[in-house]
Amino acid sequence: MAAGIGAAGADDFPLSGNYTQNVLCKGDGTDPVSVRVKISPQEIVSNVGTCTILDTTHDAGTYAVRVECKFPSGPLMGNLSFTPKPDRTIDFVDRDGNYKAVLHPCPN
């Protein structure tokens, strides 16, 4: 899985961190599990499941991430886009535009 970001290492993966979807993160342990998202260079963990990052590319400020997600109904391959914004939020959308969210960073 570490090979999923090609030549880039963890230090080159600025998406790593804890976030909440579509609501400001309090970061005090009271954020609902349903809105929490954890991103590492290897995987994305949210209330819908765990997605292994297979490959990441960066172009014009957007990170295109190819993932394999494990769901109760079985694995699913997908493509996600993450666009960091100046206010430290990240716009997220799946390849087909079926799901969009704004990820809000949690305090460290």
N, C-alpha and C. Protein backbone atom coordinates (compact mmCIF):
# COMPACT_ATOMS: atom_id res chain seq x y z
N MET A 1 0.81 -1.17 0.00
CA MET A 1 0.00 0.00 0.00
C MET A 1 0.86 1.25 0.00
N ALA A 2 2.01 1.26 0.65
CA ALA A 2 2.87 2.44 0.66
C ALA A 2 3.31 2.80 -0.74
N ALA A 3 3.38 1.83 -1.62
CA ALA A 3 3.74 2.11 -2.99
C ALA A 3 2.62 2.83 -3.73
N GLY A 4 1.47 2.95 -3.10
CA GLY A 4 0.31 3.56 -3.72
C GLY A 4 0.50 5.01 -4.12
N ILE A 5 1.47 5.69 -3.54
CA ILE A 5 1.68 7.08 -3.94
C ILE A 5 2.92 7.22 -4.80
N GLY A 6 3.33 6.14 -5.40
CA GLY A 6 4.44 6.19 -6.33
C GLY A 6 5.71 6.65 -5.64
N ALA A 7 6.39 7.64 -6.24
CA ALA A 7 7.66 8.11 -5.71
C ALA A 7 7.48 9.04 -4.52
N ALA A 8 6.27 9.52 -4.29
CA ALA A 8 6.04 10.46 -3.19
C ALA A 8 6.00 9.72 -1.87
N GLY A 9 6.57 10.31 -0.84
CA GLY A 9 6.53 9.73 0.48
C GLY A 9 5.51 10.43 1.34
N ALA A 10 5.43 10.00 2.60
CA ALA A 10 4.44 10.58 3.52
C ALA A 10 4.62 12.09 3.65
N ASP A 11 5.87 12.56 3.62
CA ASP A 11 6.12 14.00 3.76
C ASP A 11 5.62 14.79 2.56
N ASP A 12 5.44 14.12 1.42
CA ASP A 12 4.98 14.77 0.21
C ASP A 12 3.48 14.65 0.02
N PHE A 13 2.76 14.15 1.02
CA PHE A 13 1.33 13.90 0.91
C PHE A 13 0.59 14.84 1.85
N PRO A 14 0.29 16.05 1.38
CA PRO A 14 -0.28 17.07 2.26
C PRO A 14 -1.73 16.83 2.68
N LEU A 15 -2.36 15.78 2.18
CA LEU A 15 -3.74 15.50 2.57
C LEU A 15 -3.83 14.77 3.90
N SER A 16 -2.72 14.25 4.39
CA SER A 16 -2.74 13.48 5.64
C SER A 16 -3.31 14.31 6.78
N GLY A 17 -4.20 13.69 7.54
CA GLY A 17 -4.75 14.36 8.71
C GLY A 17 -6.13 13.86 9.06
N ASN A 18 -6.70 14.48 10.08
CA ASN A 18 -8.06 14.17 10.53
C ASN A 18 -8.97 15.32 10.12
N TYR A 19 -10.14 14.96 9.61
CA TYR A 19 -11.09 15.92 9.08
C TYR A 19 -12.51 15.56 9.50
N THR A 20 -13.42 16.51 9.28
CA THR A 20 -14.84 16.24 9.35
C THR A 20 -15.46 16.66 8.02
N GLN A 21 -16.53 15.96 7.63
CA GLN A 21 -17.20 16.24 6.36
C GLN A 21 -18.32 17.26 6.55
N ASN A 22 -18.22 18.36 5.83
CA ASN A 22 -19.28 19.36 5.72
C ASN A 22 -19.65 20.08 7.01
N VAL A 23 -18.88 19.90 8.07
CA VAL A 23 -19.08 20.64 9.33
C VAL A 23 -17.71 20.97 9.90
N LEU A 24 -17.62 22.08 10.63
CA LEU A 24 -16.36 22.43 11.27
C LEU A 24 -15.97 21.37 12.29
N CYS A 25 -14.70 21.06 12.36
CA CYS A 25 -14.20 20.07 13.30
C CYS A 25 -13.92 20.72 14.65
N LYS A 26 -14.50 20.14 15.69
CA LYS A 26 -14.22 20.61 17.05
C LYS A 26 -12.90 20.04 17.54
N GLY A 27 -12.64 18.77 17.19
CA GLY A 27 -11.39 18.13 17.57
C GLY A 27 -11.26 17.81 19.04
N ASP A 28 -12.37 17.88 19.77
CA ASP A 28 -12.33 17.62 21.21
C ASP A 28 -12.92 16.26 21.58
N GLY A 29 -13.12 15.41 20.57
CA GLY A 29 -13.69 14.09 20.81
C GLY A 29 -15.20 14.05 20.70
N THR A 30 -15.85 15.20 20.49
CA THR A 30 -17.30 15.22 20.40
C THR A 30 -17.83 15.23 18.97
N ASP A 31 -16.93 15.28 17.99
CA ASP A 31 -17.37 15.22 16.60
C ASP A 31 -18.00 13.85 16.34
N PRO A 32 -19.19 13.82 15.73
CA PRO A 32 -19.85 12.54 15.46
C PRO A 32 -18.99 11.64 14.57
N VAL A 33 -19.00 10.36 14.84
CA VAL A 33 -18.26 9.39 14.04
C VAL A 33 -18.71 9.47 12.59
N SER A 34 -19.96 9.77 12.36
CA SER A 34 -20.51 9.80 11.01
C SER A 34 -19.90 10.86 10.11
N VAL A 35 -19.22 11.85 10.68
CA VAL A 35 -18.61 12.91 9.85
C VAL A 35 -17.09 12.88 9.87
N ARG A 36 -16.49 11.99 10.64
CA ARG A 36 -15.03 11.93 10.75
C ARG A 36 -14.40 11.24 9.54
N VAL A 37 -13.26 11.79 9.12
CA VAL A 37 -12.48 11.21 8.03
C VAL A 37 -11.01 11.29 8.42
N LYS A 38 -10.30 10.18 8.26
CA LYS A 38 -8.86 10.16 8.53
C LYS A 38 -8.16 9.77 7.23
N ILE A 39 -7.20 10.62 6.82
CA ILE A 39 -6.46 10.38 5.59
C ILE A 39 -4.99 10.20 5.92
N SER A 40 -4.40 9.13 5.39
CA SER A 40 -2.97 8.90 5.49
C SER A 40 -2.47 8.63 4.07
N PRO A 41 -1.17 8.54 3.87
CA PRO A 41 -0.68 8.24 2.53
C PRO A 41 -1.13 6.87 2.03
N GLN A 42 -1.56 6.00 2.95
CA GLN A 42 -1.94 4.64 2.58
C GLN A 42 -3.43 4.39 2.48
N GLU A 43 -4.24 5.14 3.26
CA GLU A 43 -5.67 4.84 3.25
C GLU A 43 -6.52 6.03 3.69
N ILE A 44 -7.81 5.90 3.41
CA ILE A 44 -8.82 6.86 3.82
C ILE A 44 -9.85 6.08 4.64
N VAL A 45 -10.09 6.54 5.86
CA VAL A 45 -11.03 5.85 6.74
C VAL A 45 -12.16 6.82 7.07
N SER A 46 -13.40 6.38 6.81
CA SER A 46 -14.57 7.19 7.13
C SER A 46 -15.69 6.27 7.60
N ASN A 47 -16.84 6.85 7.87
CA ASN A 47 -17.95 6.05 8.34
C ASN A 47 -18.47 5.07 7.29
N VAL A 48 -18.17 5.29 6.03
CA VAL A 48 -18.65 4.37 4.99
C VAL A 48 -17.70 3.21 4.76
N GLY A 49 -16.48 3.27 5.27
CA GLY A 49 -15.54 2.17 5.11
C GLY A 49 -14.12 2.65 5.02
N THR A 50 -13.26 1.70 4.71
CA THR A 50 -11.83 1.97 4.56
C THR A 50 -11.44 1.79 3.11
N CYS A 51 -10.75 2.79 2.58
CA CYS A 51 -10.29 2.74 1.19
C CYS A 51 -8.77 2.75 1.18
N THR A 52 -8.20 1.78 0.51
CA THR A 52 -6.76 1.70 0.33
C THR A 52 -6.37 2.58 -0.85
N ILE A 53 -5.38 3.43 -0.65
CA ILE A 53 -4.91 4.30 -1.74
C ILE A 53 -3.96 3.49 -2.61
N LEU A 54 -4.32 3.35 -3.88
CA LEU A 54 -3.53 2.59 -4.83
C LEU A 54 -2.56 3.47 -5.61
N ASP A 55 -2.98 4.70 -5.89
CA ASP A 55 -2.16 5.59 -6.71
C ASP A 55 -2.63 7.02 -6.48
N THR A 56 -1.69 7.95 -6.50
CA THR A 56 -2.01 9.37 -6.35
C THR A 56 -1.23 10.18 -7.37
N THR A 57 -1.93 11.09 -8.03
CA THR A 57 -1.26 12.03 -8.92
C THR A 57 -1.67 13.44 -8.52
N HIS A 58 -0.83 14.41 -8.86
CA HIS A 58 -1.10 15.80 -8.49
C HIS A 58 -0.99 16.64 -9.75
N ASP A 59 -2.06 17.42 -10.02
CA ASP A 59 -2.06 18.26 -11.21
C ASP A 59 -2.88 19.51 -10.94
N ALA A 60 -2.27 20.66 -11.13
CA ALA A 60 -2.96 21.96 -11.03
C ALA A 60 -3.71 22.12 -9.71
N GLY A 61 -3.09 21.72 -8.62
CA GLY A 61 -3.69 21.93 -7.30
C GLY A 61 -4.66 20.86 -6.86
N THR A 62 -4.92 19.87 -7.69
CA THR A 62 -5.85 18.79 -7.33
C THR A 62 -5.10 17.47 -7.27
N TYR A 63 -5.44 16.69 -6.24
CA TYR A 63 -4.88 15.35 -6.09
C TYR A 63 -5.92 14.35 -6.57
N ALA A 64 -5.55 13.56 -7.58
CA ALA A 64 -6.40 12.49 -8.07
C ALA A 64 -5.94 11.21 -7.39
N VAL A 65 -6.86 10.55 -6.71
CA VAL A 65 -6.52 9.38 -5.91
C VAL A 65 -7.34 8.19 -6.39
N ARG A 66 -6.66 7.12 -6.74
CA ARG A 66 -7.33 5.87 -7.13
C ARG A 66 -7.34 4.98 -5.90
N VAL A 67 -8.52 4.47 -5.56
CA VAL A 67 -8.68 3.71 -4.32
C VAL A 67 -9.40 2.39 -4.56
N GLU A 68 -9.19 1.48 -3.61
CA GLU A 68 -10.00 0.27 -3.51
C GLU A 68 -10.65 0.32 -2.14
N CYS A 69 -11.98 0.36 -2.12
CA CYS A 69 -12.72 0.46 -0.87
C CYS A 69 -13.34 -0.88 -0.51
N LYS A 70 -13.36 -1.14 0.79
CA LYS A 70 -13.96 -2.37 1.28
C LYS A 70 -15.29 -2.03 1.93
N PHE A 71 -16.36 -2.55 1.35
CA PHE A 71 -17.70 -2.33 1.85
C PHE A 71 -18.32 -3.69 2.20
N PRO A 72 -19.35 -3.71 3.02
CA PRO A 72 -20.00 -4.99 3.34
C PRO A 72 -20.45 -5.75 2.09
N SER A 73 -20.82 -5.04 1.03
CA SER A 73 -21.26 -5.69 -0.19
C SER A 73 -20.11 -6.17 -1.07
N GLY A 74 -18.88 -5.82 -0.68
CA GLY A 74 -17.72 -6.25 -1.44
C GLY A 74 -16.82 -5.07 -1.80
N PRO A 75 -15.65 -5.36 -2.41
CA PRO A 75 -14.72 -4.28 -2.75
C PRO A 75 -15.21 -3.47 -3.94
N LEU A 76 -14.76 -2.22 -3.98
CA LEU A 76 -15.12 -1.31 -5.06
C LEU A 76 -13.91 -0.46 -5.40
N MET A 77 -13.59 -0.37 -6.68
CA MET A 77 -12.50 0.50 -7.14
C MET A 77 -13.11 1.85 -7.47
N GLY A 78 -12.37 2.93 -7.21
CA GLY A 78 -12.90 4.24 -7.50
C GLY A 78 -11.81 5.28 -7.67
N ASN A 79 -12.21 6.43 -8.17
CA ASN A 79 -11.32 7.57 -8.35
C ASN A 79 -11.90 8.76 -7.60
N LEU A 80 -11.07 9.41 -6.82
CA LEU A 80 -11.49 10.54 -6.00
C LEU A 80 -10.61 11.74 -6.32
N SER A 81 -11.15 12.94 -6.15
CA SER A 81 -10.37 14.16 -6.33
C SER A 81 -10.43 15.00 -5.06
N PHE A 82 -9.27 15.49 -4.65
CA PHE A 82 -9.14 16.34 -3.47
C PHE A 82 -8.47 17.63 -3.90
N THR A 83 -9.11 18.76 -3.61
CA THR A 83 -8.54 20.06 -3.97
C THR A 83 -8.40 20.91 -2.71
N PRO A 84 -7.17 21.05 -2.19
CA PRO A 84 -6.95 21.90 -1.02
C PRO A 84 -7.25 23.36 -1.34
N LYS A 85 -7.87 24.05 -0.39
CA LYS A 85 -8.23 25.46 -0.53
C LYS A 85 -7.39 26.31 0.43
N PRO A 86 -7.27 27.61 0.16
CA PRO A 86 -6.45 28.48 1.02
C PRO A 86 -6.89 28.50 2.49
N ASP A 87 -8.17 28.24 2.77
CA ASP A 87 -8.65 28.25 4.15
C ASP A 87 -8.40 26.92 4.87
N ARG A 88 -7.61 26.04 4.25
CA ARG A 88 -7.22 24.74 4.79
C ARG A 88 -8.29 23.66 4.64
N THR A 89 -9.46 24.00 4.08
CA THR A 89 -10.45 22.97 3.79
C THR A 89 -10.02 22.26 2.51
N ILE A 90 -10.68 21.14 2.24
CA ILE A 90 -10.38 20.38 1.03
C ILE A 90 -11.70 20.03 0.36
N ASP A 91 -11.84 20.42 -0.91
CA ASP A 91 -13.01 20.01 -1.68
C ASP A 91 -12.79 18.58 -2.14
N PHE A 92 -13.80 17.73 -1.92
CA PHE A 92 -13.72 16.32 -2.26
C PHE A 92 -14.86 15.98 -3.20
N VAL A 93 -14.57 15.19 -4.23
CA VAL A 93 -15.61 14.71 -5.13
C VAL A 93 -15.18 13.35 -5.69
N ASP A 94 -16.16 12.46 -5.87
CA ASP A 94 -15.83 11.20 -6.53
C ASP A 94 -15.85 11.42 -8.04
N ARG A 95 -15.30 10.48 -8.77
CA ARG A 95 -15.12 10.63 -10.22
C ARG A 95 -16.42 10.96 -10.94
N ASP A 96 -17.51 10.35 -10.54
CA ASP A 96 -18.78 10.54 -11.23
C ASP A 96 -19.58 11.73 -10.70
N GLY A 97 -19.06 12.41 -9.69
CA GLY A 97 -19.76 13.55 -9.13
C GLY A 97 -20.97 13.17 -8.29
N ASN A 98 -21.06 11.90 -7.90
CA ASN A 98 -22.19 11.44 -7.09
C ASN A 98 -22.10 11.92 -5.64
N TYR A 99 -20.88 12.09 -5.17
CA TYR A 99 -20.71 12.54 -3.78
C TYR A 99 -19.69 13.67 -3.74
N LYS A 100 -20.09 14.78 -3.13
CA LYS A 100 -19.20 15.92 -2.94
C LYS A 100 -19.24 16.29 -1.47
N ALA A 101 -18.10 16.76 -0.96
CA ALA A 101 -18.02 17.18 0.43
C ALA A 101 -16.91 18.20 0.57
N VAL A 102 -16.99 18.96 1.65
CA VAL A 102 -15.89 19.84 2.06
C VAL A 102 -15.33 19.24 3.33
N LEU A 103 -14.04 18.92 3.31
CA LEU A 103 -13.37 18.36 4.47
C LEU A 103 -12.77 19.50 5.28
N HIS A 104 -13.12 19.56 6.56
CA HIS A 104 -12.62 20.58 7.46
C HIS A 104 -11.54 19.97 8.35
N PRO A 105 -10.34 20.57 8.39
CA PRO A 105 -9.25 19.99 9.19
C PRO A 105 -9.56 20.08 10.68
N CYS A 106 -9.14 19.04 11.40
CA CYS A 106 -9.29 19.05 12.85
C CYS A 106 -8.01 19.62 13.46
N PRO A 107 -8.15 20.31 14.60
CA PRO A 107 -6.96 20.81 15.29
C PRO A 107 -6.05 19.64 15.67
N ASN A 108 -4.77 19.90 15.65
CA ASN A 108 -3.80 18.82 16.00
C ASN A 108 -3.83 18.48 17.44
